[in-house]
Amino acid sequence: MRLRDARHFAALVLIAQIAPMGCARSAGVLFPQMSPSRVWPPPPDAPRIRLVGTLSSSDDLNAAESGKEAFASLMRGPRPPIHFSTPNAIAVSESSVLAIADGSAAAVHIVDLISREHTLVGGWNEERLEMPVGVAWVGRRLFVSDAKRHEIIELTEVGGFVRRFGENDLIRPVGIAFVRESDTLYVVDGGEHRLAVFDLGGALRKTIGQRGEAPGEFNYPSHLFVRGGRLVVADSGNFRVQVLDLAGNVIRTIGQKGNGAGDFALPKGVAIDNEGHVFVVDAQFENVQVFDQTGQLLIAFGREGRSPGEFWLPSGLTIDDQNRIWVADSGNRRIQLFEQVRTSS
């Protein structure tokens, strides 16, 4: 079966190959402990960030199956793994399901971290996704921004089509985030250099910003993230990150064009952790920089490369409710998971 040649709803579920008997990991434990561990900053400084693991395909899920499921797998033979192509953005649901927008694959990956099922959604009926670059969960509803279709597509948790909207309101939708306080979706429109705010019914409620360099204005914005009533936007063409309140008022800007610590070359994925720290992926510096609530640089981790803990054209970033840091390492065709190391004072 070739996914791209399918004429009807294309959702392919592949379960990773069975683990050897006696070696299966418990449900929800995705990665084995790394030895030696990769931490930042390196010794002798106290570690603050630790690499947990990497995810490149459905094979990495290492799903444990029951005896009946294992027998069925042996009877039907091995299934080809699902690989990431260029993961652009990540969202994690409250039920531990990853959604990964994969622009080059023209598909969305849905990865259940508990059951370890990997679903690839390429379209519905006669319609196809063209360039999905943003994802946001609203409970068990998944909203996908498609830059080429100029619209937002709503899917079920398992990838079934619900509806679409925004085609007449958006030029190039990229980043997308759910704002729980107002039950709205904030969408970055890179083509219009602004944010568009939709209700969950798909109606445009307002827009924020315009093209420019002043605070509150944007130049090819790309990604955004919402937590604790604060909105952080990657103002990529202005080489900065802007922190706004939900009304669009600027709280502060972070960064500038340059090669120094705290500067940016191409800021993309952004997120805020549970303590208010701002995390920013830079696709040209190939690292993640972490700032405190005042905009002061705390630490940077990662560098250009192919090894675990290194990046190649990284793009999306999210931080889940457990404070885990998920990075879309686009050029390396993988997702990398990091955690913050808590040290006693």
Protein backbone atom coordinates (compact mmCIF):
# COMPACT_ATOMS: atom_id res chain seq x y z
CA MET A 1 0.00 0.00 0.00
CA ARG A 2 1.38 3.39 -1.00
CA LEU A 3 0.03 6.13 1.24
CA ARG A 4 0.37 8.92 -1.32
CA ASP A 5 -1.53 6.94 -3.95
CA ALA A 6 -4.53 6.29 -1.72
CA ARG A 7 -7.66 7.97 -3.05
CA HIS A 8 -9.66 7.87 0.12
CA PHE A 9 -8.96 8.86 3.72
CA ALA A 10 -5.31 8.11 4.32
CA ALA A 11 -4.57 7.16 7.87
CA LEU A 12 -2.00 4.45 8.33
CA VAL A 13 -1.48 2.95 11.77
CA LEU A 14 1.77 1.18 12.35
CA ILE A 15 2.74 -0.34 15.67
CA ALA A 16 6.44 -0.71 16.35
CA GLN A 17 7.87 -4.22 16.24
CA ILE A 18 7.44 -6.33 19.34
CA ALA A 19 10.09 -6.24 22.02
CA PRO A 20 11.83 -9.50 22.95
CA MET A 21 10.04 -11.41 25.69
CA GLY A 22 11.18 -10.31 29.11
CA CYS A 23 12.68 -7.07 27.75
CA ALA A 24 9.58 -4.98 27.12
CA ARG A 25 9.42 -1.61 28.81
CA SER A 26 6.37 -0.56 30.77
CA ALA A 27 3.67 1.49 29.07
CA GLY A 28 4.57 5.14 28.69
CA VAL A 29 8.32 4.63 29.22
CA LEU A 30 9.58 5.62 25.82
CA PHE A 31 13.36 5.76 26.21
CA PRO A 32 15.87 3.71 28.18
CA GLN A 33 18.21 5.56 30.49
CA MET A 34 21.16 6.94 28.54
CA SER A 35 24.68 6.02 29.62
CA PRO A 36 26.65 8.18 29.71
CA SER A 37 24.05 10.88 30.12
CA ARG A 38 24.21 14.02 27.96
CA VAL A 39 23.76 17.15 30.06
CA TRP A 40 24.18 20.92 29.81
CA PRO A 41 26.24 22.59 31.05
CA PRO A 42 28.90 19.86 31.00
CA PRO A 43 30.78 18.82 34.16
CA PRO A 44 32.09 20.07 36.49
CA ASP A 45 29.15 22.53 36.45
CA ALA A 46 25.86 21.33 37.88
CA PRO A 47 23.62 20.00 35.07
CA ARG A 48 20.47 21.93 34.18
CA ILE A 49 19.28 20.16 31.02
CA ARG A 50 19.43 16.43 30.24
CA LEU A 51 18.75 14.61 26.97
CA VAL A 52 16.14 11.90 27.53
CA GLY A 53 16.06 10.33 24.06
CA THR A 54 15.31 10.64 20.37
CA LEU A 55 12.41 9.49 18.21
CA SER A 56 12.99 8.99 14.48
CA SER A 57 10.37 6.44 13.44
CA SER A 58 7.67 4.09 14.70
CA ASP A 59 10.38 1.49 15.32
CA ASP A 60 11.67 3.63 18.19
CA LEU A 61 8.41 3.19 20.07
CA ASN A 62 9.35 -0.43 20.90
CA ALA A 63 5.76 -1.36 21.66
CA ALA A 64 5.11 -4.35 23.88
CA GLU A 65 2.31 -6.55 22.54
CA SER A 66 0.24 -9.23 24.17
CA GLY A 67 0.74 -12.84 23.13
CA LYS A 68 -2.29 -12.68 20.82
CA GLU A 69 -1.05 -9.46 19.20
CA ALA A 70 2.46 -10.86 18.87
CA PHE A 71 1.15 -13.96 17.12
CA ALA A 72 -0.90 -11.79 14.74
CA SER A 73 2.22 -9.76 13.97
CA LEU A 74 4.19 -12.87 13.14
CA MET A 75 1.41 -14.14 10.86
CA ARG A 76 1.08 -10.94 8.86
CA GLY A 77 4.83 -10.31 8.73
CA PRO A 78 6.76 -7.14 9.56
CA ARG A 79 5.30 -3.78 8.61
CA PRO A 80 7.46 -0.97 7.27
CA PRO A 81 8.19 1.70 9.86
CA ILE A 82 6.85 5.25 9.62
CA HIS A 83 9.71 7.76 9.46
CA PHE A 84 9.70 11.49 10.02
CA SER A 85 10.63 13.59 7.00
CA THR A 86 10.95 17.19 8.21
CA PRO A 87 9.06 17.56 11.49
CA ASN A 88 8.10 21.23 11.85
CA ALA A 89 6.00 21.50 15.00
CA ILE A 90 4.93 19.42 18.00
CA ALA A 91 1.98 19.45 20.38
CA VAL A 92 1.33 17.12 23.33
CA SER A 93 -2.21 16.38 24.48
CA GLU A 94 -3.36 15.92 28.07
CA SER A 95 -3.65 12.19 27.34
CA SER A 96 0.02 11.93 26.27
CA VAL A 97 -0.51 11.90 22.51
CA LEU A 98 2.03 13.64 20.31
CA ALA A 99 0.95 15.46 17.17
CA ILE A 100 3.79 16.30 14.78
CA ALA A 101 3.33 18.44 11.69
CA ASP A 102 5.57 17.11 8.90
CA GLY A 103 5.60 19.62 6.06
CA SER A 104 7.70 17.74 3.50
CA ALA A 105 5.72 14.55 4.06
CA ALA A 106 2.48 16.54 3.68
CA ALA A 107 1.17 14.66 6.70
CA VAL A 108 0.62 14.76 10.44
CA HIS A 109 2.03 12.08 12.74
CA ILE A 110 -0.10 11.11 15.74
CA VAL A 111 1.94 9.17 18.30
CA ASP A 112 0.29 7.71 21.40
CA LEU A 113 3.01 7.55 24.05
CA ILE A 114 1.04 5.10 26.17
CA SER A 115 -0.10 2.53 23.59
CA ARG A 116 2.86 3.37 21.31
CA GLU A 117 0.68 3.52 18.23
CA HIS A 118 1.94 5.69 15.37
CA THR A 119 -0.65 7.04 12.93
CA LEU A 120 0.18 8.93 9.75
CA VAL A 121 -2.58 11.21 8.45
CA GLY A 122 -2.17 12.49 4.92
CA GLY A 123 -5.69 13.65 4.11
CA TRP A 124 -9.36 12.77 4.01
CA ASN A 125 -11.77 11.65 1.29
CA GLU A 126 -10.41 13.15 -1.94
CA GLU A 127 -8.57 15.95 -0.09
CA ARG A 128 -4.89 16.00 0.84
CA LEU A 129 -2.86 17.93 3.32
CA GLU A 130 -0.32 20.03 1.43
CA MET A 131 2.00 21.69 3.92
CA PRO A 132 0.98 21.11 7.56
CA VAL A 133 3.32 23.19 9.71
CA GLY A 134 1.46 23.79 12.97
CA VAL A 135 -0.53 21.65 15.42
CA ALA A 136 -2.54 22.36 18.57
CA TRP A 137 -4.60 20.09 20.82
CA VAL A 138 -7.91 21.18 22.33
CA GLY A 139 -8.80 18.26 24.55
CA ARG A 140 -9.09 15.37 22.09
CA ARG A 141 -9.51 17.68 19.09
CA LEU A 142 -6.49 18.37 16.90
CA PHE A 143 -6.16 21.57 14.87
CA VAL A 144 -3.63 21.68 12.03
CA SER A 145 -2.44 24.78 10.16
CA ASP A 146 -1.70 24.13 6.50
CA ALA A 147 0.41 26.88 4.93
CA LYS A 148 -0.36 25.92 1.32
CA ARG A 149 -4.06 25.29 1.81
CA HIS A 150 -4.35 28.65 3.65
CA GLU A 151 -6.60 27.11 6.27
CA ILE A 152 -6.98 25.29 9.56
CA ILE A 153 -8.10 21.64 9.55
CA GLU A 154 -9.76 20.07 12.57
CA LEU A 155 -9.17 16.34 13.14
CA THR A 156 -10.18 13.82 15.76
CA GLU A 157 -7.62 12.32 18.12
CA VAL A 158 -7.09 9.42 15.73
CA GLY A 159 -6.88 11.57 12.61
CA GLY A 160 -10.46 11.60 11.33
CA PHE A 161 -11.57 14.72 9.48
CA VAL A 162 -14.02 17.05 11.22
CA ARG A 163 -13.99 20.35 9.30
CA ARG A 164 -11.80 23.15 7.99
CA PHE A 165 -11.91 26.94 8.19
CA GLY A 166 -9.94 30.15 7.70
CA GLU A 167 -9.35 29.94 3.94
CA ASN A 168 -10.75 33.44 3.40
CA ASP A 169 -8.97 34.91 6.41
CA LEU A 170 -5.45 33.50 6.20
CA ILE A 171 -2.59 33.89 3.73
CA ARG A 172 0.06 31.58 5.21
CA PRO A 173 -0.96 30.05 8.54
CA VAL A 174 2.00 28.57 10.38
CA GLY A 175 2.14 28.43 14.19
CA ILE A 176 -1.05 27.72 16.13
CA ALA A 177 -1.89 27.58 19.84
CA PHE A 178 -4.98 27.06 21.99
CA VAL A 179 -5.78 29.70 24.60
CA ARG A 180 -7.73 28.02 27.37
CA GLU A 181 -8.69 31.27 29.08
CA SER A 182 -10.79 32.41 26.11
CA ASP A 183 -11.46 29.13 24.25
CA THR A 184 -9.79 30.55 21.18
CA LEU A 185 -7.10 29.57 18.70
CA TYR A 186 -4.26 32.00 18.03
CA VAL A 187 -2.79 31.46 14.57
CA VAL A 188 0.40 33.01 13.21
CA ASP A 189 -0.25 34.29 9.69
CA GLY A 190 3.25 34.63 8.28
CA GLY A 191 1.92 35.99 5.00
CA GLU A 192 0.06 38.85 6.70
CA HIS A 193 2.70 39.37 9.45
CA ARG A 194 0.11 39.17 12.22
CA LEU A 195 -1.81 36.89 14.56
CA ALA A 196 -5.37 35.81 13.77
CA VAL A 197 -7.67 34.81 16.63
CA PHE A 198 -10.46 32.30 15.92
CA ASP A 199 -13.12 30.87 18.16
CA LEU A 200 -13.43 27.09 18.23
CA GLY A 201 -16.28 27.29 15.75
CA GLY A 202 -13.90 28.70 13.14
CA ALA A 203 -15.03 32.33 13.19
CA LEU A 204 -12.35 35.04 13.02
CA ARG A 205 -12.63 37.20 16.14
CA LYS A 206 -9.74 39.64 15.75
CA THR A 207 -6.23 40.14 14.46
CA ILE A 208 -3.13 41.34 16.32
CA GLY A 209 -0.22 43.23 14.80
CA GLN A 210 0.96 44.24 11.36
CA ARG A 211 4.21 44.27 9.45
CA GLY A 212 6.92 46.40 11.03
CA GLU A 213 9.79 46.58 13.47
CA ALA A 214 8.15 48.35 16.42
CA PRO A 215 7.11 46.36 19.50
CA GLY A 216 3.84 44.60 18.70
CA GLU A 217 4.62 44.50 14.98
CA PHE A 218 5.97 41.47 13.14
CA ASN A 219 8.13 40.48 10.20
CA TYR A 220 7.53 36.91 9.01
CA PRO A 221 6.54 35.49 12.41
CA SER A 222 6.61 31.70 12.55
CA HIS A 223 5.87 29.94 15.86
CA LEU A 224 4.00 30.76 19.06
CA PHE A 225 3.19 29.25 22.45
CA VAL A 226 0.76 30.16 25.24
CA ARG A 227 1.04 29.49 28.97
CA GLY A 228 -0.08 31.31 32.08
CA GLY A 229 -1.76 34.16 30.22
CA ARG A 230 1.38 34.96 28.27
CA LEU A 231 1.88 34.58 24.54
CA VAL A 232 5.40 34.18 23.14
CA VAL A 233 5.87 34.68 19.39
CA ALA A 234 8.94 33.98 17.25
CA ASP A 235 9.24 37.23 15.28
CA SER A 236 11.69 35.54 12.95
CA GLY A 237 12.26 38.28 10.37
CA ASN A 238 12.97 40.79 13.15
CA PHE A 239 15.44 38.39 14.83
CA ARG A 240 13.64 38.50 18.15
CA VAL A 241 10.97 36.95 20.32
CA GLN A 242 8.03 38.96 21.59
CA VAL A 243 6.18 38.22 24.82
CA LEU A 244 2.60 39.51 24.80
CA ASP A 245 -0.46 39.36 26.98
CA LEU A 246 -3.54 37.72 25.51
CA ALA A 247 -4.87 41.07 24.30
CA GLY A 248 -1.73 41.56 22.22
CA ASN A 249 -0.02 44.13 24.44
CA VAL A 250 3.77 43.78 24.48
CA ILE A 251 5.27 42.72 27.78
CA ARG A 252 8.84 42.58 26.45
CA THR A 253 10.97 41.70 23.46
CA ILE A 254 13.93 39.34 23.72
CA GLY A 255 16.98 39.19 21.47
CA GLN A 256 18.36 40.92 18.42
CA LYS A 257 20.32 40.02 15.30
CA GLY A 258 23.87 39.01 16.14
CA ASN A 259 26.31 36.25 17.02
CA GLY A 260 26.56 36.79 20.76
CA ALA A 261 24.93 34.94 23.63
CA GLY A 262 21.26 35.84 23.70
CA ASP A 263 21.26 37.00 20.05
CA PHE A 264 19.34 35.31 17.25
CA ALA A 265 19.95 34.37 13.63
CA LEU A 266 16.65 32.59 12.89
CA PRO A 267 14.38 32.14 15.93
CA LYS A 268 11.62 29.60 15.32
CA GLY A 269 10.15 27.26 17.94
CA VAL A 270 9.25 28.93 21.25
CA ALA A 271 7.79 27.74 24.54
CA ILE A 272 7.31 28.73 28.18
CA ASP A 273 7.89 26.26 31.01
CA ASN A 274 5.96 25.99 34.27
CA GLU A 275 8.27 28.53 35.93
CA GLY A 276 7.93 31.16 33.22
CA HIS A 277 11.28 30.57 31.49
CA VAL A 278 11.22 31.23 27.73
CA PHE A 279 12.80 28.60 25.44
CA VAL A 280 13.76 29.56 21.88
CA VAL A 281 15.01 27.33 19.05
CA ASP A 282 17.39 29.00 16.60
CA ALA A 283 17.44 27.21 13.26
CA GLN A 284 20.78 28.73 12.21
CA PHE A 285 22.63 28.62 15.52
CA GLU A 286 21.34 25.04 15.90
CA ASN A 287 20.63 25.40 19.58
CA VAL A 288 18.01 26.22 22.20
CA GLN A 289 18.43 29.32 24.35
CA VAL A 290 16.65 29.69 27.68
CA PHE A 291 15.74 33.08 29.16
CA ASP A 292 14.29 34.09 32.52
CA GLN A 293 11.13 36.17 32.85
CA THR A 294 13.11 39.40 32.53
CA GLY A 295 14.68 38.31 29.25
CA GLN A 296 18.11 37.44 30.64
CA LEU A 297 19.88 34.45 29.09
CA LEU A 298 20.23 31.52 31.49
CA ILE A 299 21.66 28.71 29.38
CA ALA A 300 21.96 27.43 25.82
CA PHE A 301 22.08 23.77 24.84
CA GLY A 302 22.74 21.86 21.63
CA ARG A 303 24.97 22.56 18.65
CA GLU A 304 25.17 21.72 14.95
CA GLY A 305 25.54 18.01 14.30
CA ARG A 306 23.93 14.63 13.79
CA SER A 307 24.58 12.97 17.15
CA PRO A 308 22.00 12.80 19.95
CA GLY A 309 21.74 16.18 21.63
CA GLU A 310 22.86 17.99 18.47
CA PHE A 311 20.62 19.70 15.91
CA TRP A 312 20.37 20.23 12.18
CA LEU A 313 17.92 22.97 11.16
CA PRO A 314 15.72 22.57 14.25
CA SER A 315 12.25 24.04 13.97
CA GLY A 316 9.41 23.41 16.42
CA LEU A 317 9.48 23.30 20.20
CA THR A 318 6.94 22.58 22.90
CA ILE A 319 6.98 22.01 26.65
CA ASP A 320 4.33 19.66 28.02
CA ASP A 321 2.53 19.74 31.36
CA GLN A 322 5.29 17.58 32.86
CA ASN A 323 7.84 20.28 31.89
CA ARG A 324 9.45 18.00 29.31
CA ILE A 325 11.02 19.76 26.33
CA TRP A 326 10.24 18.38 22.88
CA VAL A 327 12.27 19.69 19.91
CA ALA A 328 11.53 19.06 16.23
CA ASP A 329 15.04 18.41 14.89
CA SER A 330 13.93 18.87 11.28
CA GLY A 331 17.19 18.38 9.39
CA ASN A 332 17.94 15.22 11.36
CA ARG A 333 14.39 13.94 10.75
CA ARG A 334 13.70 13.25 14.38
CA ILE A 335 12.18 14.48 17.62
CA GLN A 336 14.44 14.98 20.63
CA LEU A 337 13.19 14.97 24.20
CA PHE A 338 14.94 16.85 27.02
CA GLU A 339 14.18 17.40 30.68
CA GLN A 340 15.22 19.95 33.24
CA VAL A 341 17.44 18.72 36.05
CA ARG A 342 16.35 19.81 39.49
CA THR A 343 19.21 20.38 41.90
CA SER A 344 18.96 20.94 45.62
CA SER A 345 19.91 24.43 46.74
